[in-house]
Amino acid sequence: MQKTVLFIHSAGPQGGGEGSSNLSAYLERELRNQYNFVCPKMPNPENPEYILWKKQLEKELDKLNGDVILVGHSLGGSVLLKYLSE
């Protein structure tokens, strides 16, 4: 079973060339042969609320099996740290 990388993006616009989109595209391209790459759309990224992001993160984690590597960019990293510390 392939390991999964779960990438949580930054706050702000996430269209092409905005926010974490270039980083997530790069990681997906570089990792696709070795990892299942998951980069979910997080709720309301231009006005993020932790509780909504936490709920989305829990939904994403519930879908995954096996080993998961968590990666967060900017606010995504902060959300992951807070979630894991709780």
Protein backbone atom coordinates (compact mmCIF):
# COMPACT_ATOMS: atom_id res chain seq x y z
CA MET A 1 0.00 0.00 0.00
CA GLN A 2 1.30 3.42 -0.99
CA LYS A 3 1.80 5.98 1.75
CA THR A 4 -0.34 9.11 1.54
CA VAL A 5 0.76 12.73 1.77
CA LEU A 6 -2.06 14.95 3.04
CA PHE A 7 -1.28 18.57 2.15
CA ILE A 8 -3.19 21.38 3.87
CA HIS A 9 -2.85 24.66 2.01
CA SER A 10 -2.49 28.22 3.22
CA ALA A 11 -5.18 30.83 3.75
CA GLY A 12 -6.19 33.18 0.97
CA PRO A 13 -7.06 32.63 -2.69
CA GLN A 14 -6.13 29.17 -3.97
CA GLY A 15 -6.65 29.51 -7.72
CA GLY A 16 -3.91 28.80 -10.26
CA GLY A 17 -0.74 30.63 -9.26
CA GLU A 18 -2.24 31.80 -5.95
CA GLY A 19 -1.65 30.76 -2.35
CA SER A 20 -0.25 27.25 -2.03
CA SER A 21 -1.27 26.15 -5.53
CA ASN A 22 2.25 26.22 -7.00
CA LEU A 23 3.69 24.34 -4.02
CA SER A 24 0.97 21.70 -4.04
CA ALA A 25 1.31 21.22 -7.82
CA TYR A 26 5.07 20.81 -7.44
CA LEU A 27 4.74 18.30 -4.59
CA GLU A 28 2.11 16.30 -6.43
CA ARG A 29 4.27 16.16 -9.55
CA GLU A 30 7.39 15.12 -7.63
CA LEU A 31 5.71 12.61 -5.29
CA ARG A 32 3.09 10.97 -7.53
CA ASN A 33 5.18 7.87 -8.27
CA GLN A 34 5.82 7.09 -4.61
CA TYR A 35 2.88 8.56 -2.70
CA ASN A 36 -0.83 9.11 -2.94
CA PHE A 37 -1.06 12.93 -2.82
CA VAL A 38 -4.21 14.47 -1.31
CA CYS A 39 -4.77 18.22 -1.29
CA PRO A 40 -8.33 19.00 -0.18
CA LYS A 41 -10.08 22.30 -0.65
CA MET A 42 -10.44 23.83 2.77
CA PRO A 43 -13.53 25.85 3.65
CA ASN A 44 -13.59 29.58 3.07
CA PRO A 45 -9.81 30.02 2.67
CA GLU A 46 -10.10 33.80 2.29
CA ASN A 47 -11.69 34.06 5.74
CA PRO A 48 -10.62 30.83 7.49
CA GLU A 49 -12.11 29.63 10.75
CA TYR A 50 -10.24 26.96 12.68
CA ILE A 51 -13.34 24.95 13.62
CA LEU A 52 -14.36 24.60 9.95
CA TRP A 53 -10.85 23.63 8.90
CA LYS A 54 -10.68 21.15 11.78
CA LYS A 55 -13.92 19.49 10.65
CA GLN A 56 -12.64 19.26 7.06
CA LEU A 57 -9.32 17.85 8.26
CA GLU A 58 -11.16 15.18 10.26
CA LYS A 59 -13.24 14.25 7.19
CA GLU A 60 -10.09 13.92 5.09
CA LEU A 61 -8.28 11.84 7.71
CA ASP A 62 -11.30 9.51 8.04
CA LYS A 63 -11.03 8.71 4.31
CA LEU A 64 -7.41 7.57 4.57
CA ASN A 65 -5.90 4.22 5.50
CA GLY A 66 -2.34 3.23 6.27
CA ASP A 67 0.58 5.56 6.77
CA VAL A 68 -0.12 9.26 6.30
CA ILE A 69 2.41 12.08 6.11
CA LEU A 70 0.94 15.45 7.08
CA VAL A 71 2.24 18.57 5.35
CA GLY A 72 0.91 22.06 5.92
CA HIS A 73 1.85 25.32 4.26
CA SER A 74 1.56 28.54 6.25
CA LEU A 75 -1.86 28.55 7.96
CA GLY A 76 -2.28 24.91 6.93
CA GLY A 77 0.76 24.06 9.04
CA SER A 78 -0.64 25.98 12.00
CA VAL A 79 -3.97 24.20 11.69
CA LEU A 80 -2.24 20.81 11.65
CA LEU A 81 -0.15 21.71 14.72
CA LYS A 82 -3.19 22.91 16.67
CA TYR A 83 -5.23 19.85 15.65
CA LEU A 84 -2.47 17.43 16.66
CA SER A 85 -1.89 19.23 19.98
CA GLU A 86 -5.56 18.88 20.88
